Amino acid sequence: MKLDILVFASHPDDAELSCSGTIAQHVKLGKKVGVVDLTRGELGTRGTPETRDAEAKVSSKILGLSARENLGFADGFFENDKVHRLEIVKMIRKYQPEIVLANALEDRHPDHGRGGKLVSDAIFLSGLRKVETRLENQTQEPWRPKTVFHYMQDRLFIPDLVVGFGQAEMDIKIASIKAFKTQFYDPNDQSGEPQTYISTPEFFESITGRARELGKSIGAEYGEAYASEKIIGVSDLSILT
C-alpha cells in the first residue's frame, strides 16, 4: 500500500500528541496516512505494552489511518545504528510515502531526538540503490520521500511550517489522545497508578492551548508546528496565499 504521508513516532501516542490534527486534516482531504511506532512504550510509568497496543488500535480507527505498525524497538535504549536504520528503510520502501513526519530532533525525552535523527538518516539511505533490503521475501526498490518534517513535541521552537485545521479536526485530535486512557488525565481514573508529567489536567489543557496559539499565528482555529531540515521553496507565491 502506497501512502501519501507516513508518520514515525518513537512511542505510541507521540503522533497523537504532536501531529494528529495534521493527520485528520489530510485524511479529510482524501490522503492515505500511516503511522509506524518505533517502540511499545514499555518504560512508561503507567499502563503496559499490551494496553498501549490496544489503545493504539482504538486511536488508529479514530484517526482513519490506512496503516499502523510497531517495530518493537527497545524503549529508552534503541540506537541510531545500521540495524535500526535498515528497519526504518524497510518501512519507507514498503509504503513509499511522499512526505514523512518524524519526531523532534531535540526534545525533553532522549528517545524523541534520537528517533527523529534515526528516521532522517534512514530516509537518505532508503534512496540508495546499493542499500539492499528484503521484506516478506521480496527485494525492495529504493525510495526516498520528497520531504521530511519534524513535529513539535515538548520543547518549543520557531516553526518552519504550521499546518492549520478546524474544530472538527481538533475534536479528532483530542479523541485520539484520550484513546490512550492509561497515559493521560481521566477524572474517573481509579487505577491507583502514580501521577506523571503527562497525566495531569494541566498537561492536557496545554495541548489545546498550544494548538490555539499556533493556529492563531496563521489565521486558523488550531495548528501544529514543524521544523524542516531543508529550505522550503516554491516557484509560485500564490501557493502560500
Protein backbone atom coordinates (compact mmCIF):
# COMPACT_ATOMS: atom_id res chain seq x y z
CA MET A 1 0.00 0.00 0.00
CA LYS A 2 1.42 3.36 -1.05
CA LEU A 3 0.84 6.16 1.45
CA ASP A 4 0.82 9.89 0.93
CA ILE A 5 2.12 10.58 4.44
CA LEU A 6 3.99 8.27 6.79
CA VAL A 7 4.43 9.29 10.42
CA PHE A 8 7.23 7.84 12.53
CA ALA A 9 6.87 8.05 16.31
CA SER A 10 9.30 6.91 19.00
CA HIS A 11 6.40 5.96 21.29
CA PRO A 12 2.73 5.12 20.84
CA ASP A 13 0.89 8.43 21.42
CA ASP A 14 3.73 10.66 20.10
CA ALA A 15 1.86 11.03 16.81
CA GLU A 16 -1.44 11.69 18.57
CA LEU A 17 0.04 14.39 20.79
CA SER A 18 2.03 16.14 18.09
CA CYS A 19 0.51 15.73 14.63
CA SER A 20 -2.93 14.10 14.87
CA GLY A 21 -4.65 17.31 13.76
CA THR A 22 -2.49 17.25 10.64
CA ILE A 23 -3.35 13.59 10.13
CA ALA A 24 -7.09 14.25 10.50
CA GLN A 25 -6.89 17.21 8.12
CA HIS A 26 -5.19 15.18 5.40
CA VAL A 27 -7.43 12.13 5.83
CA LYS A 28 -10.35 14.54 5.28
CA LEU A 29 -8.63 15.66 2.07
CA GLY A 30 -8.56 12.05 0.87
CA LYS A 31 -4.91 11.34 1.62
CA LYS A 32 -3.68 7.98 2.85
CA VAL A 33 -1.78 8.31 6.12
CA GLY A 34 0.02 5.68 8.18
CA VAL A 35 1.94 5.57 11.46
CA VAL A 36 4.98 3.48 12.40
CA ASP A 37 5.66 3.43 16.15
CA LEU A 38 9.28 2.58 16.94
CA THR A 39 8.70 1.17 20.45
CA ARG A 40 5.81 -0.17 22.52
CA GLY A 41 6.41 2.41 25.25
CA GLU A 42 7.25 -0.32 27.73
CA LEU A 43 9.15 2.02 30.06
CA GLY A 44 6.12 4.23 30.61
CA THR A 45 5.21 4.64 34.29
CA ARG A 46 1.53 3.99 33.65
CA GLY A 47 -0.05 1.15 31.71
CA THR A 48 1.64 -1.78 29.99
CA PRO A 49 2.87 -2.56 26.47
CA GLU A 50 -0.31 -4.58 25.99
CA THR A 51 -2.60 -1.72 26.98
CA ARG A 52 -0.64 0.66 24.76
CA ASP A 53 -1.08 -1.77 21.83
CA ALA A 54 -4.84 -1.83 22.40
CA GLU A 55 -5.02 1.94 22.81
CA ALA A 56 -3.08 2.50 19.58
CA LYS A 57 -5.63 0.36 17.70
CA VAL A 58 -8.50 2.46 19.04
CA SER A 59 -6.72 5.69 18.17
CA SER A 60 -5.93 4.46 14.66
CA LYS A 61 -9.64 3.97 13.98
CA ILE A 62 -10.44 7.42 15.31
CA LEU A 63 -7.81 8.99 13.04
CA GLY A 64 -8.79 6.94 9.98
CA LEU A 65 -5.29 5.62 9.41
CA SER A 66 -4.66 3.42 6.40
CA ALA A 67 -1.89 1.51 8.22
CA ARG A 68 -0.17 1.31 11.60
CA GLU A 69 2.79 -0.81 12.62
CA ASN A 70 5.06 -1.13 15.64
CA LEU A 71 8.72 -2.04 15.12
CA GLY A 72 9.23 -3.18 18.72
CA PHE A 73 12.49 -1.30 19.28
CA ALA A 74 13.67 -1.14 22.90
CA ASP A 75 12.05 1.83 24.63
CA GLY A 76 14.76 4.09 26.00
CA PHE A 77 17.58 2.01 24.55
CA PHE A 78 17.22 1.82 20.77
CA GLU A 79 20.20 3.19 18.84
CA ASN A 80 20.76 5.08 15.62
CA ASP A 81 22.80 2.26 14.09
CA LYS A 82 22.78 0.08 10.99
CA VAL A 83 20.31 -2.48 12.33
CA HIS A 84 17.71 0.11 13.32
CA ARG A 85 18.21 2.26 10.22
CA LEU A 86 17.55 -0.71 7.95
CA GLU A 87 14.27 -1.44 9.73
CA ILE A 88 13.17 2.14 9.05
CA VAL A 89 14.32 1.82 5.43
CA LYS A 90 12.10 -1.23 5.05
CA MET A 91 9.06 0.77 6.18
CA ILE A 92 9.84 3.68 3.87
CA ARG A 93 10.24 1.36 0.89
CA LYS A 94 7.15 -0.61 1.84
CA TYR A 95 4.83 2.39 2.00
CA GLN A 96 6.65 4.75 -0.43
CA PRO A 97 5.36 7.98 1.17
CA GLU A 98 5.77 11.36 -0.47
CA ILE A 99 6.02 13.05 2.94
CA VAL A 100 7.42 11.78 6.24
CA LEU A 101 6.62 13.29 9.64
CA ALA A 102 9.06 12.41 12.41
CA ASN A 103 9.97 13.19 15.99
CA ALA A 104 11.59 16.49 17.00
CA LEU A 105 15.36 16.48 16.61
CA GLU A 106 15.79 17.83 20.16
CA ASP A 107 13.35 17.32 23.00
CA ARG A 108 12.82 16.55 26.68
CA HIS A 109 12.73 12.78 26.11
CA PRO A 110 16.00 11.49 24.59
CA ASP A 111 14.10 8.92 22.51
CA HIS A 112 12.46 11.75 20.58
CA GLY A 113 15.65 13.36 19.32
CA ARG A 114 17.28 10.00 18.68
CA GLY A 115 14.20 8.75 16.84
CA GLY A 116 14.00 11.90 14.72
CA LYS A 117 17.63 11.62 13.68
CA LEU A 118 17.31 7.88 13.07
CA VAL A 119 14.45 8.47 10.63
CA SER A 120 16.32 11.28 8.87
CA ASP A 121 19.38 9.11 8.34
CA ALA A 122 17.25 6.20 7.15
CA ILE A 123 15.43 8.38 4.63
CA PHE A 124 18.71 9.19 2.89
CA LEU A 125 19.78 5.54 2.88
CA SER A 126 16.40 4.44 1.56
CA GLY A 127 17.07 6.20 -1.71
CA LEU A 128 20.36 4.42 -2.34
CA ARG A 129 20.23 1.54 -4.81
CA LYS A 130 23.12 -0.30 -3.16
CA VAL A 131 21.41 -0.41 0.23
CA GLU A 132 19.61 -3.71 -0.13
CA THR A 133 16.56 -4.72 1.91
CA ARG A 134 14.04 -7.53 1.72
CA LEU A 135 10.57 -7.66 3.21
CA GLU A 136 8.25 -10.67 3.10
CA ASN A 137 10.78 -12.48 0.87
CA GLN A 138 10.69 -9.69 -1.69
CA THR A 139 13.60 -7.44 -2.67
CA GLN A 140 12.60 -3.82 -2.11
CA GLU A 141 13.16 -0.99 -4.56
CA PRO A 142 14.86 2.25 -3.48
CA TRP A 143 12.53 5.04 -2.38
CA ARG A 144 13.17 8.47 -0.94
CA PRO A 145 10.32 10.73 0.22
CA LYS A 146 10.17 14.21 -1.21
CA THR A 147 10.41 15.82 2.22
CA VAL A 148 10.54 15.21 5.96
CA PHE A 149 9.13 17.46 8.66
CA HIS A 150 9.86 17.12 12.38
CA TYR A 151 6.85 17.81 14.60
CA MET A 152 6.96 19.94 17.74
CA GLN A 153 6.79 17.96 20.97
CA ASP A 154 7.57 19.15 24.50
CA ARG A 155 10.07 21.88 23.65
CA LEU A 156 9.03 24.96 21.74
CA PHE A 157 10.86 26.09 18.61
CA ILE A 158 10.27 28.66 15.88
CA PRO A 159 8.47 26.59 13.24
CA ASP A 160 9.31 26.46 9.57
CA LEU A 161 5.76 25.29 8.87
CA VAL A 162 2.41 25.37 10.66
CA VAL A 163 -0.46 23.18 9.47
CA GLY A 164 -3.83 24.70 10.27
CA PHE A 165 -7.11 22.91 10.90
CA GLY A 166 -10.56 23.47 12.36
CA GLN A 167 -12.68 22.34 15.29
CA ALA A 168 -13.68 19.04 13.70
CA GLU A 169 -10.04 18.00 13.34
CA MET A 170 -9.25 19.26 16.85
CA ASP A 171 -12.05 17.08 18.21
CA ILE A 172 -10.50 14.10 16.44
CA LYS A 173 -7.08 15.00 17.86
CA ILE A 174 -8.43 15.13 21.42
CA ALA A 175 -10.33 11.86 20.96
CA SER A 176 -7.24 10.12 19.60
CA ILE A 177 -5.19 11.26 22.60
CA LYS A 178 -7.89 10.20 25.05
CA ALA A 179 -7.78 6.74 23.46
CA PHE A 180 -4.55 6.32 25.44
CA LYS A 181 -6.57 6.34 28.63
CA THR A 182 -3.84 4.81 30.80
CA GLN A 183 -1.48 7.67 29.97
CA PHE A 184 -3.44 10.90 30.24
CA TYR A 185 -5.74 12.68 32.66
CA ASP A 186 -9.03 10.94 33.33
CA PRO A 187 -11.23 12.33 36.13
CA ASN A 188 -12.75 8.87 36.57
CA ASP A 189 -9.41 7.07 36.86
CA GLN A 190 -9.37 4.63 39.76
CA SER A 191 -6.34 2.59 38.71
CA GLY A 192 -4.21 3.79 41.59
CA GLU A 193 -1.23 4.24 39.27
CA PRO A 194 1.16 7.11 40.04
CA GLN A 195 0.64 10.51 38.50
CA THR A 196 3.16 11.57 35.87
CA TYR A 197 4.12 14.70 33.96
CA ILE A 198 1.59 13.88 31.22
CA SER A 199 -1.28 12.56 33.36
CA THR A 200 -2.19 15.90 34.96
CA PRO A 201 -5.15 18.01 33.81
CA GLU A 202 -2.77 20.93 33.26
CA PHE A 203 -0.78 18.96 30.67
CA PHE A 204 -3.93 18.07 28.77
CA GLU A 205 -5.10 21.68 28.80
CA SER A 206 -1.72 22.77 27.39
CA ILE A 207 -2.33 20.67 24.27
CA THR A 208 -5.39 22.72 23.35
CA GLY A 209 -3.71 25.99 24.33
CA ARG A 210 -0.68 25.35 22.14
CA ALA A 211 -2.84 24.31 19.18
CA ARG A 212 -4.87 27.51 19.52
CA GLU A 213 -1.76 29.69 19.67
CA LEU A 214 -0.17 28.00 16.66
CA GLY A 215 -3.40 28.29 14.70
CA LYS A 216 -3.64 31.97 15.57
CA SER A 217 -0.19 32.53 14.07
CA ILE A 218 -1.50 31.59 10.61
CA GLY A 219 -5.14 32.70 10.90
CA ALA A 220 -6.56 29.24 11.60
CA GLU A 221 -8.55 27.89 14.54
CA TYR A 222 -5.82 25.44 15.51
CA GLY A 223 -2.40 24.44 14.28
CA GLU A 224 0.56 22.09 14.64
CA ALA A 225 4.18 23.11 14.14
CA TYR A 226 7.01 21.53 12.18
CA ALA A 227 10.71 22.05 11.54
CA SER A 228 12.26 21.36 8.15
CA GLU A 229 15.83 20.18 7.61
CA LYS A 230 15.95 21.89 4.24
CA ILE A 231 14.79 25.25 2.93
CA ILE A 232 11.17 25.20 1.79
CA GLY A 233 10.91 26.67 -1.71
CA VAL A 234 8.10 27.40 -4.17
CA SER A 235 8.03 28.66 -7.76
CA ASP A 236 4.56 30.18 -7.38
CA LEU A 237 3.99 32.51 -4.42
CA SER A 238 0.21 32.18 -4.78
CA ILE A 239 0.54 28.69 -3.29
CA LEU A 240 1.22 30.39 0.02
CA THR A 241 -1.90 32.58 -0.01
